[in-house]
Amino acid sequence: MKQRQGGREVIMEINLLILSAGTRNKVVQYFKKELAGKGHVYATDCSSLAPALYEADEAILVPRITDPGYLDQILSICREKWITGVLSLIDPELTLLARHREKFLAVGTTPIISPLDAVETSF
C-alpha cells in the first residue's frame, strides 16, 4: 500500500487481523501468501486449540465475542499491531464489526464488512 506523506510516497505494511479464525487454515494461508513481504497476518480465537491460529504470523487469544470486554480488546490489538484491515470468519461477529465501524476507523483499521443494514438483512 502506498501513501503520500510530505510530498513523497511511503510504502506501508498491510497488517490484516482475522477474527475467530477457528479451523479456516486455508483462508489464513491465502492471506499470508498474498501479503508475503508486504505485511503480516494476525489471527484471533478464543481457543488455543484453533488450528488456523498457528498458520498466522502471530496468534492472539481473545475472550469469546459475548464477553463485555471483547470489542475493547480487539480495538487495542488493532492499535498495538498497526492493523490496517480486520475481518471476521463467523456470522455473529459481522454485526459487531459493522455496528462499530467508526471505532475501528478511528484507530486506523478498516473493517472489511458490508454496511450494518445489509449485514442485519442477511444474518
PDB file of N, CA and C in Angstrom:
ATOM      1  N   MET A   1       0.847  -1.158   0.000  1.00  0.00           N
ATOM      2  CA  MET A   1       0.000   0.000   0.000  1.00  0.00           C
ATOM      3  C   MET A   1       0.896   1.224   0.000  1.00  0.00           C
ATOM      4  N   LYS A   2       0.601   2.169  -0.881  1.00  0.00           N
ATOM      5  CA  LYS A   2       1.379   3.404  -0.945  1.00  0.00           C
ATOM      6  C   LYS A   2       0.556   4.548  -0.380  1.00  0.00           C
ATOM      7  N   GLN A   3       1.245   5.458   0.247  1.00  0.00           N
ATOM      8  CA  GLN A   3       0.586   6.629   0.823  1.00  0.00           C
ATOM      9  C   GLN A   3       1.511   7.815   0.652  1.00  0.00           C
ATOM     10  N   ARG A   4       0.938   8.961   0.339  1.00  0.00           N
ATOM     11  CA  ARG A   4       1.741  10.173   0.218  1.00  0.00           C
ATOM     12  C   ARG A   4       1.935  10.780   1.594  1.00  0.00           C
ATOM     13  N   GLN A   5       3.179  11.150   1.850  1.00  0.00           N
ATOM     14  CA  GLN A   5       3.498  11.764   3.133  1.00  0.00           C
ATOM     15  C   GLN A   5       4.591  12.791   2.898  1.00  0.00           C
ATOM     16  N   GLY A   6       4.279  14.041   3.149  1.00  0.00           N
ATOM     17  CA  GLY A   6       5.273  15.091   2.956  1.00  0.00           C
ATOM     18  C   GLY A   6       5.774  15.185   1.532  1.00  0.00           C
ATOM     19  N   GLY A   7       4.899  14.960   0.532  1.00  0.00           N
ATOM     20  CA  GLY A   7       5.289  15.081  -0.861  1.00  0.00           C
ATOM     21  C   GLY A   7       6.004  13.871  -1.436  1.00  0.00           C
ATOM     22  N   ARG A   8       6.130  12.808  -0.673  1.00  0.00           N
ATOM     23  CA  ARG A   8       6.782  11.606  -1.215  1.00  0.00           C
ATOM     24  C   ARG A   8       5.941  10.377  -0.906  1.00  0.00           C
ATOM     25  N   GLU A   9       6.177   9.322  -1.668  1.00  0.00           N
ATOM     26  CA  GLU A   9       5.433   8.089  -1.443  1.00  0.00           C
ATOM     27  C   GLU A   9       6.102   7.271  -0.356  1.00  0.00           C
ATOM     28  N   VAL A  10       5.296   6.753   0.531  1.00  0.00           N
ATOM     29  CA  VAL A  10       5.785   5.901   1.611  1.00  0.00           C
ATOM     30  C   VAL A  10       5.080   4.556   1.475  1.00  0.00           C
ATOM     31  N   ILE A  11       5.839   3.485   1.526  1.00  0.00           N
ATOM     32  CA  ILE A  11       5.255   2.151   1.464  1.00  0.00           C
ATOM     33  C   ILE A  11       4.823   1.759   2.872  1.00  0.00           C
ATOM     34  N   MET A  12       3.563   1.397   3.003  1.00  0.00           N
ATOM     35  CA  MET A  12       3.036   0.968   4.291  1.00  0.00           C
ATOM     36  C   MET A  12       2.809  -0.535   4.278  1.00  0.00           C
ATOM     37  N   GLU A  13       2.986  -1.150   5.422  1.00  0.00           N
ATOM     38  CA  GLU A  13       2.631  -2.556   5.553  1.00  0.00           C
ATOM     39  C   GLU A  13       1.118  -2.694   5.604  1.00  0.00           C
ATOM     40  N   ILE A  14       0.647  -3.800   5.080  1.00  0.00           N
ATOM     41  CA  ILE A  14      -0.762  -4.152   5.194  1.00  0.00           C
ATOM     42  C   ILE A  14      -0.840  -5.224   6.269  1.00  0.00           C
ATOM     43  N   ASN A  15      -1.331  -4.860   7.421  1.00  0.00           N
ATOM     44  CA  ASN A  15      -1.465  -5.805   8.523  1.00  0.00           C
ATOM     45  C   ASN A  15      -2.931  -6.179   8.671  1.00  0.00           C
ATOM     46  N   LEU A  16      -3.210  -7.459   8.477  1.00  0.00           N
ATOM     47  CA  LEU A  16      -4.576  -7.962   8.480  1.00  0.00           C
ATOM     48  C   LEU A  16      -4.848  -8.735   9.761  1.00  0.00           C
ATOM     49  N   LEU A  17      -5.991  -8.457  10.382  1.00  0.00           N
ATOM     50  CA  LEU A  17      -6.423  -9.186  11.570  1.00  0.00           C
ATOM     51  C   LEU A  17      -7.625 -10.034  11.191  1.00  0.00           C
ATOM     52  N   ILE A  18      -7.482 -11.344  11.334  1.00  0.00           N
ATOM     53  CA  ILE A  18      -8.564 -12.279  11.050  1.00  0.00           C
ATOM     54  C   ILE A  18      -9.138 -12.728  12.386  1.00  0.00           C
ATOM     55  N   LEU A  19     -10.402 -12.390  12.614  1.00  0.00           N
ATOM     56  CA  LEU A  19     -11.060 -12.710  13.874  1.00  0.00           C
ATOM     57  C   LEU A  19     -11.712 -14.084  13.816  1.00  0.00           C
ATOM     58  N   SER A  20     -11.721 -14.776  14.946  1.00  0.00           N
ATOM     59  CA  SER A  20     -12.382 -16.084  15.069  1.00  0.00           C
ATOM     60  C   SER A  20     -11.924 -17.035  13.966  1.00  0.00           C
ATOM     61  N   ALA A  21     -10.618 -17.194  13.856  1.00  0.00           N
ATOM     62  CA  ALA A  21     -10.015 -17.978  12.775  1.00  0.00           C
ATOM     63  C   ALA A  21     -10.438 -19.442  12.784  1.00  0.00           C
ATOM     64  N   GLY A  22     -10.593 -20.026  13.963  1.00  0.00           N
ATOM     65  CA  GLY A  22     -11.087 -21.400  14.072  1.00  0.00           C
ATOM     66  C   GLY A  22     -10.299 -22.411  13.266  1.00  0.00           C
ATOM     67  N   THR A  23     -11.001 -23.092  12.352  1.00  0.00           N
ATOM     68  CA  THR A  23     -10.380 -24.143  11.538  1.00  0.00           C
ATOM     69  C   THR A  23     -10.171 -23.696  10.090  1.00  0.00           C
ATOM     70  N   ARG A  24     -10.216 -22.410   9.859  1.00  0.00           N
ATOM     71  CA  ARG A  24     -10.108 -21.903   8.488  1.00  0.00           C
ATOM     72  C   ARG A  24      -8.651 -21.663   8.085  1.00  0.00           C
ATOM     73  N   ASN A  25      -7.882 -22.724   8.164  1.00  0.00           N
ATOM     74  CA  ASN A  25      -6.453 -22.663   7.862  1.00  0.00           C
ATOM     75  C   ASN A  25      -6.177 -22.120   6.467  1.00  0.00           C
ATOM     76  N   LYS A  26      -6.941 -22.569   5.492  1.00  0.00           N
ATOM     77  CA  LYS A  26      -6.696 -22.167   4.098  1.00  0.00           C
ATOM     78  C   LYS A  26      -6.881 -20.663   3.904  1.00  0.00           C
ATOM     79  N   VAL A  27      -7.832 -20.069   4.596  1.00  0.00           N
ATOM     80  CA  VAL A  27      -8.056 -18.624   4.489  1.00  0.00           C
ATOM     81  C   VAL A  27      -6.830 -17.881   5.012  1.00  0.00           C
ATOM     82  N   VAL A  28      -6.342 -18.301   6.163  1.00  0.00           N
ATOM     83  CA  VAL A  28      -5.161 -17.662   6.753  1.00  0.00           C
ATOM     84  C   VAL A  28      -3.949 -17.873   5.848  1.00  0.00           C
ATOM     85  N   GLN A  29      -3.779 -19.089   5.333  1.00  0.00           N
ATOM     86  CA  GLN A  29      -2.656 -19.376   4.434  1.00  0.00           C
ATOM     87  C   GLN A  29      -2.709 -18.488   3.194  1.00  0.00           C
ATOM     88  N   TYR A  30      -3.901 -18.312   2.624  1.00  0.00           N
ATOM     89  CA  TYR A  30      -4.055 -17.490   1.425  1.00  0.00           C
ATOM     90  C   TYR A  30      -3.593 -16.053   1.679  1.00  0.00           C
ATOM     91  N   PHE A  31      -4.105 -15.442   2.742  1.00  0.00           N
ATOM     92  CA  PHE A  31      -3.728 -14.053   3.024  1.00  0.00           C
ATOM     93  C   PHE A  31      -2.245 -13.942   3.351  1.00  0.00           C
ATOM     94  N   LYS A  32      -1.716 -14.921   4.049  1.00  0.00           N
ATOM     95  CA  LYS A  32      -0.291 -14.891   4.391  1.00  0.00           C
ATOM     96  C   LYS A  32       0.558 -14.949   3.115  1.00  0.00           C
ATOM     97  N   LYS A  33       0.154 -15.790   2.178  1.00  0.00           N
ATOM     98  CA  LYS A  33       0.876 -15.898   0.905  1.00  0.00           C
ATOM     99  C   LYS A  33       0.791 -14.584   0.126  1.00  0.00           C
ATOM    100  N   GLU A  34      -0.399 -14.003   0.059  1.00  0.00           N
ATOM    101  CA  GLU A  34      -0.598 -12.766  -0.698  1.00  0.00           C
ATOM    102  C   GLU A  34       0.118 -11.571  -0.073  1.00  0.00           C
ATOM    103  N   LEU A  35       0.278 -11.573   1.236  1.00  0.00           N
ATOM    104  CA  LEU A  35       0.926 -10.449   1.921  1.00  0.00           C
ATOM    105  C   LEU A  35       2.417 -10.663   2.153  1.00  0.00           C
ATOM    106  N   ALA A  36       2.947 -11.766   1.698  1.00  0.00           N
ATOM    107  CA  ALA A  36       4.363 -12.078   1.931  1.00  0.00           C
ATOM    108  C   ALA A  36       5.248 -10.894   1.546  1.00  0.00           C
ATOM    109  N   GLY A  37       5.971 -10.373   2.527  1.00  0.00           N
ATOM    110  CA  GLY A  37       6.864  -9.250   2.294  1.00  0.00           C
ATOM    111  C   GLY A  37       6.174  -7.895   2.279  1.00  0.00           C
ATOM    112  N   LYS A  38       4.843  -7.877   2.349  1.00  0.00           N
ATOM    113  CA  LYS A  38       4.090  -6.619   2.299  1.00  0.00           C
ATOM    114  C   LYS A  38       3.343  -6.334   3.594  1.00  0.00           C
ATOM    115  N   GLY A  39       3.365  -7.284   4.506  1.00  0.00           N
ATOM    116  CA  GLY A  39       2.625  -7.107   5.750  1.00  0.00           C
ATOM    117  C   GLY A  39       2.535  -8.402   6.521  1.00  0.00           C
ATOM    118  N   HIS A  40       1.672  -8.388   7.523  1.00  0.00           N
ATOM    119  CA  HIS A  40       1.541  -9.546   8.400  1.00  0.00           C
ATOM    120  C   HIS A  40       0.080  -9.930   8.570  1.00  0.00           C
ATOM    121  N   VAL A  41      -0.120 -11.210   8.854  1.00  0.00           N
ATOM    122  CA  VAL A  41      -1.453 -11.719   9.147  1.00  0.00           C
ATOM    123  C   VAL A  41      -1.482 -12.108  10.620  1.00  0.00           C
ATOM    124  N   TYR A  42      -2.438 -11.525  11.336  1.00  0.00           N
ATOM    125  CA  TYR A  42      -2.671 -11.843  12.738  1.00  0.00           C
ATOM    126  C   TYR A  42      -4.005 -12.570  12.805  1.00  0.00           C
ATOM    127  N   ALA A  43      -4.093 -13.585  13.649  1.00  0.00           N
ATOM    128  CA  ALA A  43      -5.341 -14.337  13.787  1.00  0.00           C
ATOM    129  C   ALA A  43      -5.719 -14.424  15.255  1.00  0.00           C
ATOM    130  N   THR A  44      -7.025 -14.297  15.514  1.00  0.00           N
ATOM    131  CA  THR A  44      -7.518 -14.427  16.879  1.00  0.00           C
ATOM    132  C   THR A  44      -8.492 -15.588  16.978  1.00  0.00           C
ATOM    133  N   ASP A  45      -8.615 -16.090  18.182  1.00  0.00           N
ATOM    134  CA  ASP A  45      -9.643 -17.067  18.520  1.00  0.00           C
ATOM    135  C   ASP A  45      -9.717 -17.134  20.037  1.00  0.00           C
ATOM    136  N   CYS A  46     -10.821 -17.673  20.541  1.00  0.00           N
ATOM    137  CA  CYS A  46     -10.963 -17.812  21.992  1.00  0.00           C
ATOM    138  C   CYS A  46     -10.394 -19.143  22.477  1.00  0.00           C
ATOM    139  N   SER A  47      -9.996 -20.001  21.552  1.00  0.00           N
ATOM    140  CA  SER A  47      -9.446 -21.308  21.914  1.00  0.00           C
ATOM    141  C   SER A  47      -8.023 -21.463  21.391  1.00  0.00           C
ATOM    142  N   SER A  48      -7.144 -21.888  22.269  1.00  0.00           N
ATOM    143  CA  SER A  48      -5.759 -22.143  21.842  1.00  0.00           C
ATOM    144  C   SER A  48      -5.677 -23.384  20.957  1.00  0.00           C
ATOM    145  N   LEU A  49      -6.770 -24.133  20.857  1.00  0.00           N
ATOM    146  CA  LEU A  49      -6.804 -25.330  20.016  1.00  0.00           C
ATOM    147  C   LEU A  49      -7.237 -25.031  18.580  1.00  0.00           C
ATOM    148  N   ALA A  50      -7.562 -23.792  18.280  1.00  0.00           N
ATOM    149  CA  ALA A  50      -7.982 -23.417  16.923  1.00  0.00           C
ATOM    150  C   ALA A  50      -6.780 -23.517  15.987  1.00  0.00           C
ATOM    151  N   PRO A  51      -6.786 -24.468  15.056  1.00  0.00           N
ATOM    152  CA  PRO A  51      -5.604 -24.701  14.228  1.00  0.00           C
ATOM    153  C   PRO A  51      -5.205 -23.536  13.326  1.00  0.00           C
ATOM    154  N   ALA A  52      -6.156 -22.736  12.878  1.00  0.00           N
ATOM    155  CA  ALA A  52      -5.818 -21.626  11.977  1.00  0.00           C
ATOM    156  C   ALA A  52      -4.947 -20.575  12.655  1.00  0.00           C
ATOM    157  N   LEU A  53      -4.998 -20.501  13.978  1.00  0.00           N
ATOM    158  CA  LEU A  53      -4.141 -19.557  14.703  1.00  0.00           C
ATOM    159  C   LEU A  53      -2.677 -19.753  14.337  1.00  0.00           C
ATOM    160  N   TYR A  54      -2.300 -20.997  14.184  1.00  0.00           N
ATOM    161  CA  TYR A  54      -0.886 -21.333  14.014  1.00  0.00           C
ATOM    162  C   TYR A  54      -0.403 -21.208  12.574  1.00  0.00           C
ATOM    163  N   GLU A  55      -1.305 -20.818  11.672  1.00  0.00           N
ATOM    164  CA  GLU A  55      -0.930 -20.515  10.289  1.00  0.00           C
ATOM    165  C   GLU A  55      -0.552 -19.042  10.148  1.00  0.00           C
ATOM    166  N   ALA A  56      -0.993 -18.213  11.082  1.00  0.00           N
ATOM    167  CA  ALA A  56      -0.779 -16.764  11.014  1.00  0.00           C
ATOM    168  C   ALA A  56       0.642 -16.399  11.418  1.00  0.00           C
ATOM    169  N   ASP A  57       1.017 -15.168  11.115  1.00  0.00           N
ATOM    170  CA  ASP A  57       2.314 -14.665  11.575  1.00  0.00           C
ATOM    171  C   ASP A  57       2.321 -14.534  13.092  1.00  0.00           C
ATOM    172  N   GLU A  58       1.152 -14.229  13.655  1.00  0.00           N
ATOM    173  CA  GLU A  58       1.030 -14.168  15.110  1.00  0.00           C
ATOM    174  C   GLU A  58      -0.370 -14.592  15.521  1.00  0.00           C
ATOM    175  N   ALA A  59      -0.438 -15.484  16.505  1.00  0.00           N
ATOM    176  CA  ALA A  59      -1.709 -15.946  17.065  1.00  0.00           C
ATOM    177  C   ALA A  59      -2.012 -15.146  18.325  1.00  0.00           C
ATOM    178  N   ILE A  60      -3.265 -14.733  18.467  1.00  0.00           N
ATOM    179  CA  ILE A  60      -3.661 -13.943  19.630  1.00  0.00           C
ATOM    180  C   ILE A  60      -4.924 -14.550  20.231  1.00  0.00           C
ATOM    181  N   LEU A  61      -4.837 -14.963  21.486  1.00  0.00           N
ATOM    182  CA  LEU A  61      -6.008 -15.485  22.190  1.00  0.00           C
ATOM    183  C   LEU A  61      -6.831 -14.321  22.734  1.00  0.00           C
ATOM    184  N   VAL A  62      -8.124 -14.403  22.533  1.00  0.00           N
ATOM    185  CA  VAL A  62      -9.048 -13.360  22.990  1.00  0.00           C
ATOM    186  C   VAL A  62     -10.231 -14.034  23.680  1.00  0.00           C
ATOM    187  N   PRO A  63     -11.021 -13.266  24.440  1.00  0.00           N
ATOM    188  CA  PRO A  63     -12.229 -13.859  25.035  1.00  0.00           C
ATOM    189  C   PRO A  63     -13.275 -14.133  23.955  1.00  0.00           C
ATOM    190  N   ARG A  64     -14.353 -14.794  24.345  1.00  0.00           N
ATOM    191  CA  ARG A  64     -15.466 -15.043  23.419  1.00  0.00           C
ATOM    192  C   ARG A  64     -16.086 -13.711  22.992  1.00  0.00           C
ATOM    193  N   ILE A  65     -16.732 -13.705  21.845  1.00  0.00           N
ATOM    194  CA  ILE A  65     -17.314 -12.454  21.347  1.00  0.00           C
ATOM    195  C   ILE A  65     -18.432 -11.935  22.247  1.00  0.00           C
ATOM    196  N   THR A  66     -18.975 -12.782  23.099  1.00  0.00           N
ATOM    197  CA  THR A  66     -20.031 -12.364  24.025  1.00  0.00           C
ATOM    198  C   THR A  66     -19.476 -11.694  25.281  1.00  0.00           C
ATOM    199  N   ASP A  67     -18.171 -11.730  25.467  1.00  0.00           N
ATOM    200  CA  ASP A  67     -17.542 -11.109  26.636  1.00  0.00           C
ATOM    201  C   ASP A  67     -17.681  -9.587  26.534  1.00  0.00           C
ATOM    202  N   PRO A  68     -18.051  -8.916  27.631  1.00  0.00           N
ATOM    203  CA  PRO A  68     -18.230  -7.458  27.587  1.00  0.00           C
ATOM    204  C   PRO A  68     -16.975  -6.678  27.160  1.00  0.00           C
ATOM    205  N   GLY A  69     -15.800  -7.222  27.391  1.00  0.00           N
ATOM    206  CA  GLY A  69     -14.574  -6.521  27.035  1.00  0.00           C
ATOM    207  C   GLY A  69     -14.006  -6.891  25.677  1.00  0.00           C
ATOM    208  N   TYR A  70     -14.741  -7.725  24.931  1.00  0.00           N
ATOM    209  CA  TYR A  70     -14.224  -8.229  23.656  1.00  0.00           C
ATOM    210  C   TYR A  70     -13.885  -7.110  22.671  1.00  0.00           C
ATOM    211  N   LEU A  71     -14.817  -6.228  22.423  1.00  0.00           N
ATOM    212  CA  LEU A  71     -14.595  -5.163  21.438  1.00  0.00           C
ATOM    213  C   LEU A  71     -13.388  -4.310  21.812  1.00  0.00           C
ATOM    214  N   ASP A  72     -13.292  -3.927  23.077  1.00  0.00           N
ATOM    215  CA  ASP A  72     -12.155  -3.109  23.516  1.00  0.00           C
ATOM    216  C   ASP A  72     -10.833  -3.833  23.304  1.00  0.00           C
ATOM    217  N   GLN A  73     -10.817  -5.149  23.533  1.00  0.00           N
ATOM    218  CA  GLN A  73      -9.579  -5.896  23.324  1.00  0.00           C
ATOM    219  C   GLN A  73      -9.207  -5.934  21.843  1.00  0.00           C
ATOM    220  N   ILE A  74     -10.185  -6.118  20.980  1.00  0.00           N
ATOM    221  CA  ILE A  74      -9.911  -6.146  19.539  1.00  0.00           C
ATOM    222  C   ILE A  74      -9.407  -4.779  19.071  1.00  0.00           C
ATOM    223  N   LEU A  75     -10.034  -3.712  19.536  1.00  0.00           N
ATOM    224  CA  LEU A  75      -9.577  -2.364  19.179  1.00  0.00           C
ATOM    225  C   LEU A  75      -8.158  -2.115  19.685  1.00  0.00           C
ATOM    226  N   SER A  76      -7.841  -2.619  20.858  1.00  0.00           N
ATOM    227  CA  SER A  76      -6.493  -2.483  21.416  1.00  0.00           C
ATOM    228  C   SER A  76      -5.469  -3.216  20.547  1.00  0.00           C
ATOM    229  N   ILE A  77      -5.819  -4.412  20.093  1.00  0.00           N
ATOM    230  CA  ILE A  77      -4.935  -5.175  19.201  1.00  0.00           C
ATOM    231  C   ILE A  77      -4.715  -4.385  17.909  1.00  0.00           C
ATOM    232  N   CYS A  78      -5.779  -3.812  17.381  1.00  0.00           N
ATOM    233  CA  CYS A  78      -5.674  -3.030  16.140  1.00  0.00           C
ATOM    234  C   CYS A  78      -4.705  -1.866  16.307  1.00  0.00           C
ATOM    235  N   ARG A  79      -4.769  -1.186  17.439  1.00  0.00           N
ATOM    236  CA  ARG A  79      -3.853  -0.060  17.702  1.00  0.00           C
ATOM    237  C   ARG A  79      -2.415  -0.558  17.873  1.00  0.00           C
ATOM    238  N   GLU A  80      -2.235  -1.566  18.701  1.00  0.00           N
ATOM    239  CA  GLU A  80      -0.889  -2.047  19.037  1.00  0.00           C
ATOM    240  C   GLU A  80      -0.161  -2.670  17.850  1.00  0.00           C
ATOM    241  N   LYS A  81      -0.884  -3.368  16.997  1.00  0.00           N
ATOM    242  CA  LYS A  81      -0.270  -4.093  15.874  1.00  0.00           C
ATOM    243  C   LYS A  81      -0.350  -3.319  14.561  1.00  0.00           C
ATOM    244  N   TRP A  82      -0.843  -2.091  14.610  1.00  0.00           N
ATOM    245  CA  TRP A  82      -0.991  -1.269  13.400  1.00  0.00           C
ATOM    246  C   TRP A  82      -1.797  -2.019  12.334  1.00  0.00           C
ATOM    247  N   ILE A  83      -2.931  -2.557  12.739  1.00  0.00           N
ATOM    248  CA  ILE A  83      -3.779  -3.330  11.834  1.00  0.00           C
ATOM    249  C   ILE A  83      -4.447  -2.379  10.836  1.00  0.00           C
ATOM    250  N   THR A  84      -4.309  -2.691   9.552  1.00  0.00           N
ATOM    251  CA  THR A  84      -4.917  -1.853   8.521  1.00  0.00           C
ATOM    252  C   THR A  84      -6.281  -2.379   8.083  1.00  0.00           C
ATOM    253  N   GLY A  85      -6.517  -3.681   8.236  1.00  0.00           N
ATOM    254  CA  GLY A  85      -7.801  -4.269   7.867  1.00  0.00           C
ATOM    255  C   GLY A  85      -8.181  -5.388   8.814  1.00  0.00           C
ATOM    256  N   VAL A  86      -9.467  -5.482   9.133  1.00  0.00           N
ATOM    257  CA  VAL A  86      -9.956  -6.534  10.030  1.00  0.00           C
ATOM    258  C   VAL A  86     -11.165  -7.203   9.387  1.00  0.00           C
ATOM    259  N   LEU A  87     -11.226  -8.532   9.501  1.00  0.00           N
ATOM    260  CA  LEU A  87     -12.376  -9.275   9.002  1.00  0.00           C
ATOM    261  C   LEU A  87     -12.682 -10.426   9.941  1.00  0.00           C
ATOM    262  N   SER A  88     -13.932 -10.854   9.909  1.00  0.00           N
ATOM    263  CA  SER A  88     -14.352 -11.969  10.750  1.00  0.00           C
ATOM    264  C   SER A  88     -14.739 -13.150   9.887  1.00  0.00           C
ATOM    265  N   LEU A  89     -14.569 -14.331  10.451  1.00  0.00           N
ATOM    266  CA  LEU A  89     -14.927 -15.548   9.733  1.00  0.00           C
ATOM    267  C   LEU A  89     -16.157 -16.226  10.321  1.00  0.00           C
ATOM    268  N   ILE A  90     -16.847 -15.560  11.262  1.00  0.00           N
ATOM    269  CA  ILE A  90     -18.090 -16.122  11.799  1.00  0.00           C
ATOM    270  C   ILE A  90     -19.217 -15.086  11.710  1.00  0.00           C
ATOM    271  N   ASP A  91     -20.406 -15.563  11.394  1.00  0.00           N
ATOM    272  CA  ASP A  91     -21.555 -14.677  11.181  1.00  0.00           C
ATOM    273  C   ASP A  91     -21.889 -13.760  12.356  1.00  0.00           C
ATOM    274  N   PRO A  92     -21.961 -14.255  13.596  1.00  0.00           N
ATOM    275  CA  PRO A  92     -22.363 -13.363  14.697  1.00  0.00           C
ATOM    276  C   PRO A  92     -21.443 -12.152  14.875  1.00  0.00           C
ATOM    277  N   GLU A  93     -20.223 -12.275  14.449  1.00  0.00           N
ATOM    278  CA  GLU A  93     -19.258 -11.187  14.619  1.00  0.00           C
ATOM    279  C   GLU A  93     -19.389 -10.116  13.534  1.00  0.00           C
ATOM    280  N   LEU A  94     -20.053 -10.441  12.450  1.00  0.00           N
ATOM    281  CA  LEU A  94     -20.214  -9.480  11.361  1.00  0.00           C
ATOM    282  C   LEU A  94     -20.992  -8.256  11.824  1.00  0.00           C
ATOM    283  N   THR A  95     -22.034  -8.479  12.608  1.00  0.00           N
ATOM    284  CA  THR A  95     -22.824  -7.362  13.137  1.00  0.00           C
ATOM    285  C   THR A  95     -21.970  -6.475  14.029  1.00  0.00           C
ATOM    286  N   LEU A  96     -21.142  -7.087  14.849  1.00  0.00           N
ATOM    287  CA  LEU A  96     -20.262  -6.329  15.746  1.00  0.00           C
ATOM    288  C   LEU A  96     -19.335  -5.419  14.937  1.00  0.00           C
ATOM    289  N   LEU A  97     -18.722  -5.955  13.890  1.00  0.00           N
ATOM    290  CA  LEU A  97     -17.824  -5.150  13.054  1.00  0.00           C
ATOM    291  C   LEU A  97     -18.574  -4.008  12.369  1.00  0.00           C
ATOM    292  N   ALA A  98     -19.721  -4.329  11.800  1.00  0.00           N
ATOM    293  CA  ALA A  98     -20.487  -3.303  11.083  1.00  0.00           C
ATOM    294  C   ALA A  98     -21.010  -2.227  12.033  1.00  0.00           C
ATOM    295  N   ARG A  99     -21.484  -2.638  13.197  1.00  0.00           N
ATOM    296  CA  ARG A  99     -22.048  -1.689  14.166  1.00  0.00           C
ATOM    297  C   ARG A  99     -20.990  -0.730  14.707  1.00  0.00           C
ATOM    298  N   HIS A 100     -19.754  -1.202  14.825  1.00  0.00           N
ATOM    299  CA  HIS A 100     -18.687  -0.394  15.423  1.00  0.00           C
ATOM    300  C   HIS A 100     -17.647   0.054  14.397  1.00  0.00           C
ATOM    301  N   ARG A 101     -18.058   0.131  13.151  1.00  0.00           N
ATOM    302  CA  ARG A 101     -17.167   0.531  12.050  1.00  0.00           C
ATOM    303  C   ARG A 101     -16.377   1.803  12.369  1.00  0.00           C
ATOM    304  N   GLU A 102     -17.046   2.819  12.881  1.00  0.00           N
ATOM    305  CA  GLU A 102     -16.388   4.107  13.160  1.00  0.00           C
ATOM    306  C   GLU A 102     -15.303   3.976  14.226  1.00  0.00           C
ATOM    307  N   LYS A 103     -15.503   3.111  15.196  1.00  0.00           N
ATOM    308  CA  LYS A 103     -14.481   2.901  16.235  1.00  0.00           C
ATOM    309  C   LYS A 103     -13.219   2.298  15.624  1.00  0.00           C
ATOM    310  N   PHE A 104     -13.397   1.374  14.683  1.00  0.00           N
ATOM    311  CA  PHE A 104     -12.238   0.780  14.011  1.00  0.00           C
ATOM    312  C   PHE A 104     -11.533   1.824  13.151  1.00  0.00           C
ATOM    313  N   LEU A 105     -12.304   2.587  12.401  1.00  0.00           N
ATOM    314  CA  LEU A 105     -11.710   3.623  11.556  1.00  0.00           C
ATOM    315  C   LEU A 105     -10.946   4.642  12.394  1.00  0.00           C
ATOM    316  N   ALA A 106     -11.429   4.916  13.596  1.00  0.00           N
ATOM    317  CA  ALA A 106     -10.770   5.889  14.481  1.00  0.00           C
ATOM    318  C   ALA A 106      -9.383   5.436  14.929  1.00  0.00           C
ATOM    319  N   VAL A 107      -9.134   4.116  14.918  1.00  0.00           N
ATOM    320  CA  VAL A 107      -7.800   3.618  15.289  1.00  0.00           C
ATOM    321  C   VAL A 107      -6.980   3.257  14.050  1.00  0.00           C
ATOM    322  N   GLY A 108      -7.487   3.620  12.853  1.00  0.00           N
ATOM    323  CA  GLY A 108      -6.737   3.394  11.625  1.00  0.00           C
ATOM    324  C   GLY A 108      -6.952   2.041  10.983  1.00  0.00           C
ATOM    325  N   THR A 109      -7.993   1.340  11.394  1.00  0.00           N
ATOM    326  CA  THR A 109      -8.281   0.000  10.879  1.00  0.00           C
ATOM    327  C   THR A 109      -9.568   0.025  10.063  1.00  0.00           C
ATOM    328  N   THR A 110      -9.513  -0.545   8.860  1.00  0.00           N
ATOM    329  CA  THR A 110     -10.698  -0.626   8.018  1.00  0.00           C
ATOM    330  C   THR A 110     -11.377  -1.972   8.222  1.00  0.00           C
ATOM    331  N   PRO A 111     -12.630  -1.967   8.701  1.00  0.00           N
ATOM    332  CA  PRO A 111     -13.357  -3.232   8.801  1.00  0.00           C
ATOM    333  C   PRO A 111     -13.770  -3.687   7.400  1.00  0.00           C
ATOM    334  N   ILE A 112     -13.459  -4.909   7.077  1.00  0.00           N
ATOM    335  CA  ILE A 112     -13.816  -5.458   5.769  1.00  0.00           C
ATOM    336  C   ILE A 112     -15.190  -6.100   5.948  1.00  0.00           C
ATOM    337  N   ILE A 113     -16.221  -5.269   5.764  1.00  0.00           N
ATOM    338  CA  ILE A 113     -17.588  -5.664   6.099  1.00  0.00           C
ATOM    339  C   ILE A 113     -18.571  -4.798   5.319  1.00  0.00           C
ATOM    340  N   SER A 114     -19.723  -5.348   5.036  1.00  0.00           N
ATOM    341  CA  SER A 114     -20.810  -4.589   4.403  1.00  0.00           C
ATOM    342  C   SER A 114     -21.424  -3.624   5.413  1.00  0.00           C
ATOM    343  N   PRO A 115     -22.216  -2.653   4.936  1.00  0.00           N
ATOM    344  CA  PRO A 115     -22.906  -1.750   5.860  1.00  0.00           C
ATOM    345  C   PRO A 115     -23.830  -2.531   6.806  1.00  0.00           C
ATOM    346  N   LEU A 116     -24.087  -1.955   7.976  1.00  0.00           N
ATOM    347  CA  LEU A 116     -24.869  -2.626   9.018  1.00  0.00           C
ATOM    348  C   LEU A 116     -26.229  -3.096   8.518  1.00  0.00           C
ATOM    349  N   ASP A 117     -26.943  -2.273   7.760  1.00  0.00           N
ATOM    350  CA  ASP A 117     -28.275  -2.687   7.306  1.00  0.00           C
ATOM    351  C   ASP A 117     -28.206  -3.920   6.407  1.00  0.00           C
ATOM    352  N   ALA A 118     -27.186  -4.023   5.583  1.00  0.00           N
ATOM    353  CA  ALA A 118     -27.022  -5.202   4.724  1.00  0.00           C
ATOM    354  C   ALA A 118     -26.690  -6.436   5.553  1.00  0.00           C
ATOM    355  N   VAL A 119     -25.842  -6.271   6.559  1.00  0.00           N
ATOM    356  CA  VAL A 119     -25.476  -7.397   7.433  1.00  0.00           C
ATOM    357  C   VAL A 119     -26.702  -7.886   8.190  1.00  0.00           C
ATOM    358  N   GLU A 120     -27.468  -6.953   8.762  1.00  0.00           N
ATOM    359  CA  GLU A 120     -28.648  -7.347   9.536  1.00  0.00           C
ATOM    360  C   GLU A 120     -29.719  -7.990   8.657  1.00  0.00           C
ATOM    361  N   THR A 121     -29.839  -7.560   7.416  1.00  0.00           N
ATOM    362  CA  THR A 121     -30.797  -8.163   6.491  1.00  0.00           C
ATOM    363  C   THR A 121     -30.378  -9.587   6.129  1.00  0.00           C
ATOM    364  N   SER A 122     -29.084  -9.801   6.001  1.00  0.00           N
ATOM    365  CA  SER A 122     -28.562 -11.096   5.564  1.00  0.00           C
ATOM    366  C   SER A 122     -28.422 -12.114   6.684  1.00  0.00           C
ATOM    367  N   PHE A 123     -28.275 -11.635   7.907  1.00  0.00           N
ATOM    368  CA  PHE A 123     -27.964 -12.554   9.009  1.00  0.00           C
ATOM    369  C   PHE A 123     -29.157 -12.868   9.839  1.00  0.00           C
TER     370      PHE A 123
END
